Amino acid sequence: MDLRRYPGFRAMTLLCLVILYTPLIVITVYSFNASTSITTWGGFSWRWYADVFTGPEAPRFRAAAWNSLTIALIAATTATLIATAAAVAMVRGGRFRGKSATFTLINLPLMVPEIVIAVATLIFFSMIGLTTGYLTILIAHITFCIPFAYLPIAARLQGIEATYEQAARDLYATRAQAFRLILLPLMMPGVISGYLLAFIISLDDFIITNFVKGAGMETLPTAIFGSVKQGIKPNIMAISTMMLAVSVLLVTLSYFVNRAGQKTRA
């Protein structure tokens, strides 16, 4: 069944692409605008990119970017380790009581609205008396990054036949050796894809971060939001374009890693 042959499919596809990508194109183009106006084109210039690094708001954005980067690295690493263990248990663990409930619990953050997770997380931290700040952001990011890392890892693991591990065990390998020398290298494209996806989700998150960050603590998305409340300025467009470029780069890298893994398996 070829969906492209259905009446109106191309028109609807083009409409969705225009709605999704026109604002991104506009932001990218006007980030190179020499004028201080965000609506009037004043010529091509790198002025606002230089302002991001050397302008009056540069220290604030630099600190926020550092917070975002370190949180994303730690959260993605931790979430990927947990997701890898969960994927091995779910896919290779056979049948066990509560397996369906465990699968639902792992993927729950994908189904629940982000605003609900943000409010629930804030209430939980308040109940246990944990002061909001860097640590609460990190815990929240690790939690909601787990399902994003889990999905590509589990999908990759489901495509690996158990005969590889059985052959290793027949050759007197221990379970740990079979996992480290056989299963983990075969899983690695999915692990890398899950890590990159978790990293970019953490780096770009705003809603949950805004609820649990506390006073005086900023990540790059919340710093951008704080500047936008005072008025949209061209340097905000430059920062947004750089974040978009990083996101596109990581998503593209994840795609090619998965594709290379599929070719290797074939």
Protein backbone atom coordinates (compact mmCIF):
# COMPACT_ATOMS: atom_id res chain seq x y z
CA MET A 1 0.00 0.00 0.00
CA ASP A 2 1.62 3.21 -1.21
CA LEU A 3 0.37 6.20 0.81
CA ARG A 4 1.77 8.59 -1.79
CA ARG A 5 -1.01 7.55 -4.18
CA TYR A 6 -3.80 8.70 -1.87
CA PRO A 7 -5.54 11.95 -2.93
CA GLY A 8 -4.25 14.97 -1.01
CA PHE A 9 -1.27 13.17 0.50
CA ARG A 10 1.34 15.41 -1.13
CA ALA A 11 -0.57 18.61 -0.35
CA MET A 12 -0.98 17.63 3.30
CA THR A 13 2.69 16.65 3.53
CA LEU A 14 3.82 19.98 2.08
CA LEU A 15 1.48 21.88 4.42
CA CYS A 16 2.89 20.08 7.47
CA LEU A 17 6.47 20.71 6.34
CA VAL A 18 5.77 24.42 5.80
CA ILE A 19 4.15 24.80 9.23
CA LEU A 20 6.96 22.93 10.96
CA TYR A 21 10.01 24.39 9.23
CA THR A 22 9.10 27.92 8.13
CA PRO A 23 9.61 29.41 11.64
CA LEU A 24 12.98 27.63 11.91
CA ILE A 25 14.08 28.98 8.53
CA VAL A 26 12.99 32.51 9.47
CA ILE A 27 14.91 32.38 12.76
CA THR A 28 18.02 31.05 11.02
CA VAL A 29 17.93 33.71 8.28
CA TYR A 30 17.35 36.64 10.65
CA SER A 31 20.11 35.48 12.98
CA PHE A 32 22.46 36.81 10.25
CA ASN A 33 20.64 40.15 10.06
CA ALA A 34 22.89 43.18 10.52
CA SER A 35 19.95 45.27 11.74
CA THR A 36 18.73 45.38 15.34
CA SER A 37 15.21 44.89 14.02
CA ILE A 38 13.85 41.35 13.95
CA THR A 39 11.55 42.13 11.01
CA THR A 40 13.63 44.41 8.75
CA TRP A 41 16.53 42.95 6.79
CA GLY A 42 19.66 45.10 7.10
CA GLY A 43 22.20 42.95 5.30
CA PHE A 44 24.23 39.87 6.10
CA SER A 45 26.33 39.96 9.27
CA TRP A 46 27.87 37.72 11.95
CA ARG A 47 27.26 40.51 14.47
CA TRP A 48 24.81 38.67 16.71
CA TYR A 49 26.87 35.51 16.87
CA ALA A 50 29.77 37.60 18.13
CA ASP A 51 27.40 39.27 20.60
CA VAL A 52 26.48 35.88 22.07
CA PHE A 53 30.13 35.31 23.07
CA THR A 54 31.28 38.87 23.79
CA GLY A 55 28.12 40.92 24.45
CA PRO A 56 26.74 42.11 27.81
CA GLU A 57 24.68 38.92 28.25
CA ALA A 58 27.57 36.62 27.33
CA PRO A 59 28.51 35.62 30.94
CA ARG A 60 24.92 34.64 31.68
CA PHE A 61 24.58 32.57 28.51
CA ARG A 62 28.01 31.00 29.06
CA ALA A 63 27.09 29.83 32.57
CA ALA A 64 23.70 28.57 31.38
CA ALA A 65 25.29 26.70 28.47
CA TRP A 66 27.81 25.06 30.82
CA ASN A 67 24.99 23.94 33.13
CA SER A 68 23.02 22.54 30.18
CA LEU A 69 26.04 20.71 28.79
CA THR A 70 27.14 19.09 32.05
CA ILE A 71 23.60 18.10 33.01
CA ALA A 72 22.98 16.62 29.55
CA LEU A 73 26.24 14.63 29.65
CA ILE A 74 25.62 13.18 33.11
CA ALA A 75 21.91 12.58 32.53
CA ALA A 76 22.43 10.92 29.14
CA THR A 77 25.23 8.69 30.48
CA THR A 78 23.25 7.59 33.53
CA ALA A 79 20.00 7.13 31.61
CA THR A 80 21.76 5.08 28.93
CA LEU A 81 23.31 2.75 31.51
CA ILE A 82 19.93 2.22 33.19
CA ALA A 83 18.16 1.84 29.84
CA THR A 84 20.72 -0.73 28.66
CA ALA A 85 20.22 -2.82 31.80
CA ALA A 86 16.44 -2.51 31.45
CA ALA A 87 16.51 -3.49 27.78
CA VAL A 88 18.62 -6.60 28.48
CA ALA A 89 16.27 -7.60 31.30
CA MET A 90 13.12 -7.01 29.24
CA VAL A 91 14.30 -8.60 25.99
CA ARG A 92 16.62 -11.34 27.25
CA GLY A 93 15.09 -11.94 30.67
CA GLY A 94 12.30 -14.21 29.46
CA ARG A 95 8.88 -14.16 31.09
CA PHE A 96 8.56 -12.83 34.62
CA ARG A 97 5.75 -11.52 36.77
CA GLY A 98 5.00 -7.87 36.15
CA LYS A 99 6.82 -7.67 32.80
CA SER A 100 3.98 -5.77 31.10
CA ALA A 101 3.69 -3.40 34.04
CA THR A 102 7.46 -2.83 33.98
CA PHE A 103 7.37 -2.03 30.25
CA THR A 104 4.53 0.46 30.87
CA LEU A 105 6.43 2.03 33.75
CA ILE A 106 9.59 2.49 31.64
CA ASN A 107 7.65 4.20 28.85
CA LEU A 108 5.29 6.18 31.07
CA PRO A 109 7.16 9.50 30.69
CA LEU A 110 6.52 9.30 26.92
CA MET A 111 2.76 9.04 27.43
CA VAL A 112 2.22 11.49 30.29
CA PRO A 113 2.07 15.23 29.38
CA GLU A 114 5.33 16.95 30.23
CA ILE A 115 3.60 19.61 32.35
CA VAL A 116 2.14 16.84 34.54
CA ILE A 117 5.60 15.28 35.00
CA ALA A 118 7.01 18.71 35.86
CA VAL A 119 4.39 19.40 38.54
CA ALA A 120 4.63 15.88 39.98
CA THR A 121 8.44 16.08 40.11
CA LEU A 122 8.34 19.45 41.87
CA ILE A 123 5.83 18.15 44.42
CA PHE A 124 7.99 15.06 45.05
CA PHE A 125 11.11 17.14 45.67
CA SER A 126 9.14 19.38 48.03
CA MET A 127 7.79 16.36 49.95
CA ILE A 128 11.25 14.91 50.57
CA GLY A 129 12.70 18.33 51.41
CA LEU A 130 15.17 18.50 48.53
CA THR A 131 16.14 22.07 47.62
CA THR A 132 15.62 22.84 43.95
CA GLY A 133 18.76 23.52 41.96
CA TYR A 134 21.37 21.68 39.91
CA LEU A 135 20.77 18.31 41.61
CA THR A 136 17.00 18.36 41.16
CA ILE A 137 17.38 19.20 37.46
CA LEU A 138 19.85 16.35 37.06
CA ILE A 139 17.57 13.81 38.78
CA ALA A 140 14.57 14.93 36.72
CA HIS A 141 16.53 14.75 33.47
CA ILE A 142 17.84 11.26 34.21
CA THR A 143 14.30 10.09 34.91
CA PHE A 144 12.64 11.36 31.74
CA CYS A 145 15.64 10.50 29.52
CA ILE A 146 15.47 6.77 30.36
CA PRO A 147 12.61 5.90 27.95
CA PHE A 148 14.21 7.89 25.13
CA ALA A 149 17.41 5.91 25.56
CA TYR A 150 15.53 2.63 26.09
CA LEU A 151 13.60 2.57 22.82
CA PRO A 152 16.53 2.41 20.32
CA ILE A 153 18.49 0.08 22.58
CA ALA A 154 15.57 -2.35 22.97
CA ALA A 155 14.80 -2.17 19.24
CA ARG A 156 18.40 -3.02 18.43
CA LEU A 157 18.49 -5.85 20.97
CA GLN A 158 15.29 -7.40 19.60
CA GLY A 159 16.97 -7.70 16.20
CA ILE A 160 19.92 -9.68 17.61
CA GLU A 161 19.36 -13.43 17.66
CA ALA A 162 20.02 -15.23 20.93
CA THR A 163 22.08 -17.85 19.07
CA TYR A 164 25.16 -15.60 19.27
CA GLU A 165 25.14 -15.71 23.06
CA GLN A 166 24.28 -19.41 23.08
CA ALA A 167 27.27 -20.13 20.86
CA ALA A 168 29.52 -18.15 23.22
CA ARG A 169 28.19 -20.09 26.22
CA ASP A 170 28.78 -23.37 24.36
CA LEU A 171 32.41 -22.27 23.98
CA TYR A 172 32.66 -21.96 27.79
CA ALA A 173 32.16 -18.20 28.03
CA THR A 174 30.56 -16.96 31.24
CA ARG A 175 27.41 -14.84 31.12
CA ALA A 176 29.50 -11.73 31.73
CA GLN A 177 31.93 -12.62 28.96
CA ALA A 178 29.10 -13.41 26.51
CA PHE A 179 27.56 -10.04 27.26
CA ARG A 180 30.82 -8.04 27.14
CA LEU A 181 32.39 -9.71 24.12
CA ILE A 182 29.37 -10.68 22.01
CA LEU A 183 26.12 -8.94 22.92
CA LEU A 184 27.39 -5.48 23.87
CA PRO A 185 29.35 -4.89 20.60
CA LEU A 186 26.27 -5.93 18.61
CA MET A 187 24.11 -3.61 20.71
CA MET A 188 26.49 -0.66 20.46
CA PRO A 189 24.76 1.17 17.54
CA GLY A 190 21.52 1.17 19.54
CA VAL A 191 23.34 2.24 22.71
CA ILE A 192 25.00 5.15 20.89
CA SER A 193 21.70 6.19 19.31
CA GLY A 194 19.96 6.05 22.67
CA TYR A 195 22.73 8.11 24.27
CA LEU A 196 22.57 10.80 21.57
CA LEU A 197 18.78 10.96 21.76
CA ALA A 198 18.84 11.25 25.56
CA PHE A 199 21.54 13.92 25.35
CA ILE A 200 19.61 16.12 22.94
CA ILE A 201 16.34 15.68 24.87
CA SER A 202 18.08 16.78 28.07
CA LEU A 203 19.89 19.66 26.38
CA ASP A 204 16.68 21.08 24.87
CA ASP A 205 14.27 20.52 27.76
CA PHE A 206 12.52 23.59 29.12
CA ILE A 207 9.21 22.77 30.85
CA ILE A 208 10.44 20.31 33.49
CA THR A 209 13.68 22.25 33.98
CA ASN A 210 11.79 25.51 34.53
CA PHE A 211 9.76 23.90 37.33
CA VAL A 212 12.62 22.26 39.24
CA LYS A 213 15.56 24.62 38.64
CA GLY A 214 15.07 26.93 41.61
CA ALA A 215 16.07 30.58 41.92
CA GLY A 216 19.41 31.64 40.44
CA MET A 217 19.88 28.41 38.49
CA GLU A 218 19.68 28.60 34.69
CA THR A 219 20.08 26.27 31.76
CA LEU A 220 20.32 27.54 28.21
CA PRO A 221 16.61 27.04 27.36
CA THR A 222 15.49 28.80 30.55
CA ALA A 223 18.01 31.61 30.00
CA ILE A 224 16.65 32.10 26.48
CA PHE A 225 13.10 32.18 27.84
CA GLY A 226 14.08 34.79 30.42
CA SER A 227 15.58 37.01 27.72
CA VAL A 228 12.58 36.58 25.41
CA LYS A 229 10.23 37.83 28.17
CA GLN A 230 12.05 41.17 27.93
CA GLY A 231 11.66 41.24 24.14
CA ILE A 232 12.92 39.16 21.25
CA LYS A 233 16.43 40.26 20.29
CA PRO A 234 18.59 39.12 17.35
CA ASN A 235 21.16 37.50 19.65
CA ILE A 236 18.41 35.14 20.85
CA MET A 237 17.93 34.08 17.25
CA ALA A 238 21.65 33.39 16.97
CA ILE A 239 21.62 31.18 20.09
CA SER A 240 18.50 29.39 18.85
CA THR A 241 20.15 28.74 15.49
CA MET A 242 23.24 27.26 17.16
CA MET A 243 21.09 25.00 19.35
CA LEU A 244 19.13 23.95 16.26
CA ALA A 245 22.37 23.11 14.46
CA VAL A 246 23.56 20.98 17.38
CA SER A 247 20.21 19.15 17.52
CA VAL A 248 20.21 18.46 13.78
CA LEU A 249 23.80 17.25 13.95
CA LEU A 250 23.15 14.81 16.79
CA VAL A 251 19.91 13.48 15.27
CA THR A 252 21.67 12.98 11.93
CA LEU A 253 24.57 11.22 13.66
CA SER A 254 22.12 8.95 15.48
CA TYR A 255 20.43 8.08 12.19
CA PHE A 256 23.69 7.14 10.48
CA VAL A 257 24.86 5.12 13.50
CA ASN A 258 21.62 3.12 13.42
CA ARG A 259 21.88 2.67 9.67
CA ALA A 260 25.46 1.44 9.92
CA GLY A 261 24.41 -0.99 12.63
CA GLN A 262 21.62 -2.39 10.43
CA LYS A 263 24.07 -2.91 7.56
CA THR A 264 26.53 -4.66 9.87
CA ARG A 265 23.80 -6.97 11.18
CA ALA A 266 22.66 -7.74 7.61
